[in-house]
C-alpha atoms as a PDB file:
ATOM      1  CA  MET A   1     133.824-163.048  43.479  1.00  0.00           C
ATOM      2  CA  HIS A   2     130.097-162.925  43.260  1.00  0.00           C
ATOM      3  CA  ILE A   3     128.660-160.443  40.699  1.00  0.00           C
ATOM      4  CA  SER A   4     126.062-158.088  42.072  1.00  0.00           C
ATOM      5  CA  ASP A   5     122.652-157.042  40.628  1.00  0.00           C
ATOM      6  CA  GLY A   6     122.586-154.307  38.107  1.00  0.00           C
ATOM      7  CA  VAL A   7     125.986-154.919  36.496  1.00  0.00           C
ATOM      8  CA  LEU A   8     125.349-157.371  33.689  1.00  0.00           C
ATOM      9  CA  SER A   9     123.176-157.036  30.584  1.00  0.00           C
ATOM     10  CA  PRO A  10     119.839-158.905  30.390  1.00  0.00           C
ATOM     11  CA  ALA A  11     121.228-161.141  27.624  1.00  0.00           C
ATOM     12  CA  VAL A  12     124.129-162.265  29.761  1.00  0.00           C
ATOM     13  CA  LEU A  13     121.848-162.830  32.730  1.00  0.00           C
ATOM     14  CA  GLY A  14     119.561-164.985  30.482  1.00  0.00           C
ATOM     15  CA  ILE A  15     122.491-167.073  29.248  1.00  0.00           C
ATOM     16  CA  GLY A  16     123.575-167.553  32.851  1.00  0.00           C
ATOM     17  CA  PHE A  17     120.148-168.890  33.944  1.00  0.00           C
ATOM     18  CA  GLY A  18     119.935-171.091  30.859  1.00  0.00           C
ATOM     19  CA  THR A  19     123.378-172.553  31.399  1.00  0.00           C
ATOM     20  CA  THR A  20     122.748-173.145  35.066  1.00  0.00           C
ATOM     21  CA  ALA A  21     119.421-174.952  34.308  1.00  0.00           C
ATOM     22  CA  LEU A  22     121.169-177.297  31.869  1.00  0.00           C
ATOM     23  CA  LEU A  23     124.083-178.053  34.192  1.00  0.00           C
ATOM     24  CA  ALA A  24     121.765-178.554  37.131  1.00  0.00           C
ATOM     25  CA  ALA A  25     119.601-180.951  35.219  1.00  0.00           C
ATOM     26  CA  ALA A  26     122.645-182.925  34.112  1.00  0.00           C
ATOM     27  CA  THR A  27     124.413-183.087  37.448  1.00  0.00           C
ATOM     28  CA  LEU A  28     121.271-183.802  39.559  1.00  0.00           C
ATOM     29  CA  ARG A  29     120.362-187.008  37.563  1.00  0.00           C
ATOM     30  CA  LYS A  30     120.114-190.138  39.628  1.00  0.00           C
ATOM     31  CA  VAL A  31     121.172-188.629  42.874  1.00  0.00           C
ATOM     32  CA  ASP A  32     121.456-191.346  45.509  1.00  0.00           C
ATOM     33  CA  MET A  33     119.890-190.540  48.887  1.00  0.00           C
ATOM     34  CA  GLU A  34     123.153-191.704  50.507  1.00  0.00           C
ATOM     35  CA  GLU A  35     124.905-188.792  48.738  1.00  0.00           C
ATOM     36  CA  ILE A  36     122.727-186.173  50.277  1.00  0.00           C
ATOM     37  CA  PRO A  37     124.459-185.870  53.682  1.00  0.00           C
ATOM     38  CA  LYS A  38     127.914-185.420  52.060  1.00  0.00           C
ATOM     39  CA  ILE A  39     126.552-182.898  49.553  1.00  0.00           C
ATOM     40  CA  ALA A  40     124.852-180.970  52.457  1.00  0.00           C
ATOM     41  CA  VAL A  41     128.009-180.765  54.589  1.00  0.00           C
ATOM     42  CA  ILE A  42     130.230-179.640  51.694  1.00  0.00           C
ATOM     43  CA  THR A  43     127.562-177.091  50.618  1.00  0.00           C
ATOM     44  CA  ALA A  44     127.648-175.657  54.185  1.00  0.00           C
ATOM     45  CA  VAL A  45     131.398-175.515  54.279  1.00  0.00           C
ATOM     46  CA  PHE A  46     131.532-173.727  50.871  1.00  0.00           C
ATOM     47  CA  PHE A  47     128.814-171.341  51.988  1.00  0.00           C
ATOM     48  CA  VAL A  48     130.625-170.405  55.228  1.00  0.00           C
ATOM     49  CA  ALA A  49     134.056-170.237  53.693  1.00  0.00           C
ATOM     50  CA  ASN A  50     132.849-167.689  51.071  1.00  0.00           C
ATOM     51  CA  LEU A  51     131.526-165.431  53.874  1.00  0.00           C
ATOM     52  CA  ILE A  52     134.836-165.249  55.773  1.00  0.00           C
ATOM     53  CA  HIS A  53     136.538-162.179  54.463  1.00  0.00           C
ATOM     54  CA  ILE A  54     140.082-161.121  55.478  1.00  0.00           C
ATOM     55  CA  PRO A  55     140.721-157.318  55.403  1.00  0.00           C
ATOM     56  CA  LEU A  56     143.492-156.415  52.963  1.00  0.00           C
ATOM     57  CA  GLY A  57     144.086-152.679  52.768  1.00  0.00           C
ATOM     58  CA  ALA A  58     141.043-150.895  51.370  1.00  0.00           C
ATOM     59  CA  THR A  59     139.378-154.222  50.278  1.00  0.00           C
ATOM     60  CA  SER A  60     139.200-157.742  51.540  1.00  0.00           C
ATOM     61  CA  VAL A  61     139.874-161.247  50.196  1.00  0.00           C
ATOM     62  CA  HIS A  62     138.463-164.638  50.790  1.00  0.00           C
ATOM     63  CA  LEU A  63     138.935-168.164  49.526  1.00  0.00           C
ATOM     64  CA  ILE A  64     136.538-169.537  46.909  1.00  0.00           C
ATOM     65  CA  LEU A  65     137.324-173.325  47.271  1.00  0.00           C
ATOM     66  CA  ASN A  66     135.103-174.348  44.282  1.00  0.00           C
ATOM     67  CA  GLY A  67     137.946-176.534  43.019  1.00  0.00           C
ATOM     68  CA  LEU A  68     138.101-178.372  46.310  1.00  0.00           C
ATOM     69  CA  VAL A  69     134.311-178.832  46.186  1.00  0.00           C
ATOM     70  CA  GLY A  70     134.718-180.352  42.741  1.00  0.00           C
ATOM     71  CA  ILE A  71     137.478-182.741  44.042  1.00  0.00           C
ATOM     72  CA  ILE A  72     135.248-184.054  46.876  1.00  0.00           C
ATOM     73  CA  LEU A  73     131.826-184.091  45.195  1.00  0.00           C
ATOM     74  CA  GLY A  74     132.593-184.703  41.574  1.00  0.00           C
ATOM     75  CA  TRP A  75     129.649-183.782  39.311  1.00  0.00           C
ATOM     76  CA  ARG A  76     127.445-183.209  42.367  1.00  0.00           C
ATOM     77  CA  ALA A  77     129.517-180.143  43.070  1.00  0.00           C
ATOM     78  CA  PHE A  78     127.488-178.073  40.690  1.00  0.00           C
ATOM     79  CA  PRO A  79     124.072-178.378  42.556  1.00  0.00           C
ATOM     80  CA  ALA A  80     125.949-177.910  45.897  1.00  0.00           C
ATOM     81  CA  ILE A  81     127.484-174.613  44.755  1.00  0.00           C
ATOM     82  CA  MET A  82     124.232-173.520  43.078  1.00  0.00           C
ATOM     83  CA  LEU A  83     122.444-173.941  46.423  1.00  0.00           C
ATOM     84  CA  ALA A  84     125.186-172.012  48.224  1.00  0.00           C
ATOM     85  CA  VAL A  85     124.888-169.205  45.647  1.00  0.00           C
ATOM     86  CA  VAL A  86     121.142-168.956  46.164  1.00  0.00           C
ATOM     87  CA  LEU A  87     121.674-168.755  49.969  1.00  0.00           C
ATOM     88  CA  HIS A  88     124.335-166.071  49.432  1.00  0.00           C
ATOM     89  CA  ALA A  89     121.960-164.070  47.269  1.00  0.00           C
ATOM     90  CA  MET A  90     119.255-164.287  50.010  1.00  0.00           C
ATOM     91  CA  LEU A  91     121.844-162.742  52.454  1.00  0.00           C
ATOM     92  CA  GLY A  92     122.810-159.925  49.962  1.00  0.00           C
ATOM     93  CA  HIS A  93     126.151-161.457  48.951  1.00  0.00           C
ATOM     94  CA  GLY A  94     125.776-161.302  45.132  1.00  0.00           C
ATOM     95  CA  GLY A  95     122.333-160.825  43.749  1.00  0.00           C
ATOM     96  CA  VAL A  96     119.138-162.616  42.809  1.00  0.00           C
ATOM     97  CA  SER A  97     119.274-161.684  39.120  1.00  0.00           C
ATOM     98  CA  VAL A  98     122.818-162.997  38.855  1.00  0.00           C
ATOM     99  CA  ILE A  99     122.227-166.353  40.501  1.00  0.00           C
ATOM    100  CA  GLY A 100     122.614-168.020  37.078  1.00  0.00           C
ATOM    101  CA  VAL A 101     125.815-166.372  36.128  1.00  0.00           C
ATOM    102  CA  ASN A 102     127.355-166.851  39.573  1.00  0.00           C
ATOM    103  CA  SER A 103     126.230-170.498  39.673  1.00  0.00           C
ATOM    104  CA  THR A 104     127.705-171.130  36.157  1.00  0.00           C
ATOM    105  CA  MET A 105     130.927-169.221  37.068  1.00  0.00           C
ATOM    106  CA  LEU A 106     131.613-171.033  40.330  1.00  0.00           C
ATOM    107  CA  GLY A 107     129.949-174.356  39.618  1.00  0.00           C
ATOM    108  CA  GLY A 108     131.517-174.618  36.137  1.00  0.00           C
ATOM    109  CA  GLY A 109     134.919-174.178  37.727  1.00  0.00           C
ATOM    110  CA  ALA A 110     134.099-176.970  40.165  1.00  0.00           C
ATOM    111  CA  LEU A 111     133.163-179.283  37.315  1.00  0.00           C
ATOM    112  CA  LEU A 112     136.506-178.621  35.522  1.00  0.00           C
ATOM    113  CA  ALA A 113     138.300-179.359  38.820  1.00  0.00           C
ATOM    114  CA  ALA A 114     136.400-182.583  39.167  1.00  0.00           C
ATOM    115  CA  GLY A 115     137.464-183.631  35.631  1.00  0.00           C
ATOM    116  CA  ILE A 116     141.072-182.866  36.317  1.00  0.00           C
ATOM    117  CA  TRP A 117     141.017-184.732  39.588  1.00  0.00           C
ATOM    118  CA  GLN A 118     139.785-187.838  37.766  1.00  0.00           C
ATOM    119  CA  LEU A 119     142.949-187.738  35.638  1.00  0.00           C
ATOM    120  CA  ARG A 120     144.964-188.826  38.640  1.00  0.00           C
ATOM    121  CA  ARG A 121     143.833-192.401  37.896  1.00  0.00           C
ATOM    122  CA  LEU A 122     145.579-192.317  34.485  1.00  0.00           C
ATOM    123  CA  VAL A 123     148.980-190.988  35.575  1.00  0.00           C
ATOM    124  CA  LYS A 124     150.650-192.429  38.642  1.00  0.00           C
ATOM    125  CA  PHE A 125     153.800-190.979  40.300  1.00  0.00           C
ATOM    126  CA  PRO A 126     154.799-190.089  43.832  1.00  0.00           C
ATOM    127  CA  ASN A 127     152.339-187.681  45.444  1.00  0.00           C
ATOM    128  CA  SER A 128     150.271-187.647  42.198  1.00  0.00           C
ATOM    129  CA  GLU A 129     147.057-187.130  44.187  1.00  0.00           C
ATOM    130  CA  ILE A 130     148.441-183.984  45.726  1.00  0.00           C
ATOM    131  CA  VAL A 131     149.777-182.686  42.450  1.00  0.00           C
ATOM    132  CA  PHE A 132     146.416-183.307  40.703  1.00  0.00           C
ATOM    133  CA  GLY A 133     144.524-181.908  43.672  1.00  0.00           C
ATOM    134  CA  SER A 134     146.620-178.682  43.442  1.00  0.00           C
ATOM    135  CA  LEU A 135     146.036-178.534  39.679  1.00  0.00           C
ATOM    136  CA  ALA A 136     142.304-179.020  40.117  1.00  0.00           C
ATOM    137  CA  GLY A 137     142.048-176.324  42.763  1.00  0.00           C
ATOM    138  CA  ALA A 138     143.977-173.834  40.559  1.00  0.00           C
ATOM    139  CA  ALA A 139     142.007-174.737  37.395  1.00  0.00           C
ATOM    140  CA  GLY A 140     138.699-174.292  39.134  1.00  0.00           C
ATOM    141  CA  ILE A 141     139.410-170.698  40.118  1.00  0.00           C
ATOM    142  CA  PHE A 142     141.005-169.970  36.732  1.00  0.00           C
ATOM    143  CA  PHE A 143     137.836-171.076  34.907  1.00  0.00           C
ATOM    144  CA  SER A 144     135.693-168.990  37.226  1.00  0.00           C
ATOM    145  CA  GLY A 145     137.844-165.886  36.640  1.00  0.00           C
ATOM    146  CA  CYS A 146     137.548-166.402  32.831  1.00  0.00           C
ATOM    147  CA  ILE A 147     133.768-166.684  32.954  1.00  0.00           C
ATOM    148  CA  LEU A 148     133.559-163.538  35.144  1.00  0.00           C
ATOM    149  CA  ALA A 149     135.786-161.618  32.768  1.00  0.00           C
ATOM    150  CA  LEU A 150     133.787-162.937  29.792  1.00  0.00           C
ATOM    151  CA  ALA A 151     130.521-161.884  31.405  1.00  0.00           C
ATOM    152  CA  LEU A 152     131.854-158.317  31.967  1.00  0.00           C
ATOM    153  CA  LEU A 153     133.232-158.042  28.489  1.00  0.00           C
ATOM    154  CA  THR A 154     130.024-159.198  26.761  1.00  0.00           C
ATOM    155  CA  THR A 155     128.094-156.689  28.796  1.00  0.00           C
ATOM    156  CA  GLY A 156     129.982-153.632  27.525  1.00  0.00           C
ATOM    157  CA  GLU A 157     133.363-152.306  26.481  1.00  0.00           C
ATOM    158  CA  GLU A 158     133.424-150.085  29.516  1.00  0.00           C
ATOM    159  CA  PHE A 159     134.174-153.173  31.604  1.00  0.00           C
ATOM    160  CA  MET A 160     137.352-153.995  29.680  1.00  0.00           C
ATOM    161  CA  GLY A 161     139.590-152.592  32.399  1.00  0.00           C
ATOM    162  CA  THR A 162     137.664-154.371  35.113  1.00  0.00           C
ATOM    163  CA  ALA A 163     137.884-157.599  33.236  1.00  0.00           C
ATOM    164  CA  LYS A 164     141.689-157.332  32.987  1.00  0.00           C
ATOM    165  CA  LEU A 165     141.857-156.707  36.749  1.00  0.00           C
ATOM    166  CA  VAL A 166     139.656-159.686  37.374  1.00  0.00           C
ATOM    167  CA  LEU A 167     141.922-162.022  35.347  1.00  0.00           C
ATOM    168  CA  GLY A 168     145.099-160.590  37.123  1.00  0.00           C
ATOM    169  CA  TYR A 169     143.542-161.155  40.508  1.00  0.00           C
ATOM    170  CA  HIS A 170     142.390-164.642  39.679  1.00  0.00           C
ATOM    171  CA  ALA A 171     145.907-165.520  38.317  1.00  0.00           C
ATOM    172  CA  MET A 172     147.268-164.733  41.811  1.00  0.00           C
ATOM    173  CA  LEU A 173     144.384-166.519  43.520  1.00  0.00           C
ATOM    174  CA  MET A 174     145.080-169.662  41.524  1.00  0.00           C
ATOM    175  CA  VAL A 175     148.418-170.124  43.375  1.00  0.00           C
ATOM    176  CA  VAL A 176     146.667-169.806  46.806  1.00  0.00           C
ATOM    177  CA  GLU A 177     143.642-172.005  45.945  1.00  0.00           C
ATOM    178  CA  GLY A 178     145.915-174.607  44.337  1.00  0.00           C
ATOM    179  CA  ALA A 179     148.064-174.818  47.480  1.00  0.00           C
ATOM    180  CA  VAL A 180     145.090-174.927  49.751  1.00  0.00           C
ATOM    181  CA  ALA A 181     143.449-177.703  47.642  1.00  0.00           C
ATOM    182  CA  GLY A 182     146.702-179.706  47.593  1.00  0.00           C
ATOM    183  CA  ALA A 183     147.134-179.360  51.361  1.00  0.00           C
ATOM    184  CA  CYS A 184     143.515-180.481  51.967  1.00  0.00           C
ATOM    185  CA  VAL A 185     143.920-183.474  49.695  1.00  0.00           C
ATOM    186  CA  SER A 186     147.164-184.451  51.510  1.00  0.00           C
ATOM    187  CA  PHE A 187     145.340-184.242  54.861  1.00  0.00           C
ATOM    188  CA  LEU A 188     142.236-186.150  53.686  1.00  0.00           C
ATOM    189  CA  LEU A 189     144.380-188.890  52.164  1.00  0.00           C
ATOM    190  CA  ARG A 190     145.988-189.462  55.573  1.00  0.00           C
ATOM    191  CA  VAL A 191     142.845-189.288  57.749  1.00  0.00           C
ATOM    192  CA  ARG A 192     139.732-189.981  55.628  1.00  0.00           C
ATOM    193  CA  PRO A 193     140.661-191.135  52.126  1.00  0.00           C
ATOM    194  CA  GLU A 194     137.177-192.389  51.371  1.00  0.00           C
ATOM    195  CA  ILE A 195     136.027-188.754  51.252  1.00  0.00           C
ATOM    196  CA  LEU A 196     138.095-188.401  48.068  1.00  0.00           C
ATOM    197  CA  GLY A 197     136.864-191.696  46.651  1.00  0.00           C
ATOM    198  CA  GLU A 198     139.937-193.436  47.698  1.00  0.00           C
ATOM    199  CA  THR A 199     139.920-196.575  49.875  1.00  0.00           C
ATOM    200  CA  MET A 200     142.810-197.752  51.980  1.00  0.00           C
ATOM    201  CA  LYS A 201     143.081-200.855  49.725  1.00  0.00           C
ATOM    202  CA  GLN A 202     143.431-198.632  46.618  1.00  0.00           C
ATOM    203  CA  ARG A 203     146.005-196.502  48.355  1.00  0.00           C
ATOM    204  CA  ALA A 204     148.054-199.534  49.396  1.00  0.00           C
ATOM    205  CA  GLY A 205     147.873-200.832  45.787  1.00  0.00           C
END
């Protein structure tokens, strides 16, 4: 779902870079050196997952997984996704001029997912972690779809039809990403709950 060079207006591109700079400054504050390996691994997973395209008729689809990144990394998800977006642009996936917009679109969705994931601590019921994981995964992709549609609409009315298609596509993708995020949360809770910020003691309690 990366936007390519030459599509958006200079004003939208400028807003994208400005927003990305603010979010990067906020989410990179007081990074602990012990966090770096985890951020690096998740960045690599996100980078590779976005490069795996599955042919579907005349086009192809791929998972985004920005919601899952938000679940695992919390606020550090933004710099992780921003780095992956920069690497994607260097490989011609997306564009250099739209790094700001793409980072805001994907990283912002991850931050929303991180916030929704934190709500699981306030509401407890059977399998609440899986439910909130699914909601976070779906919300992350929904936010990204809305930002993408907004970027197209603010560039010109000629993109109105494309923006509607984008929203429709992301509405369907929400179901898939939500299911994948929920399944990953369920798996990690069984094998490595500490990755999700859960300890065995907390789980037992």
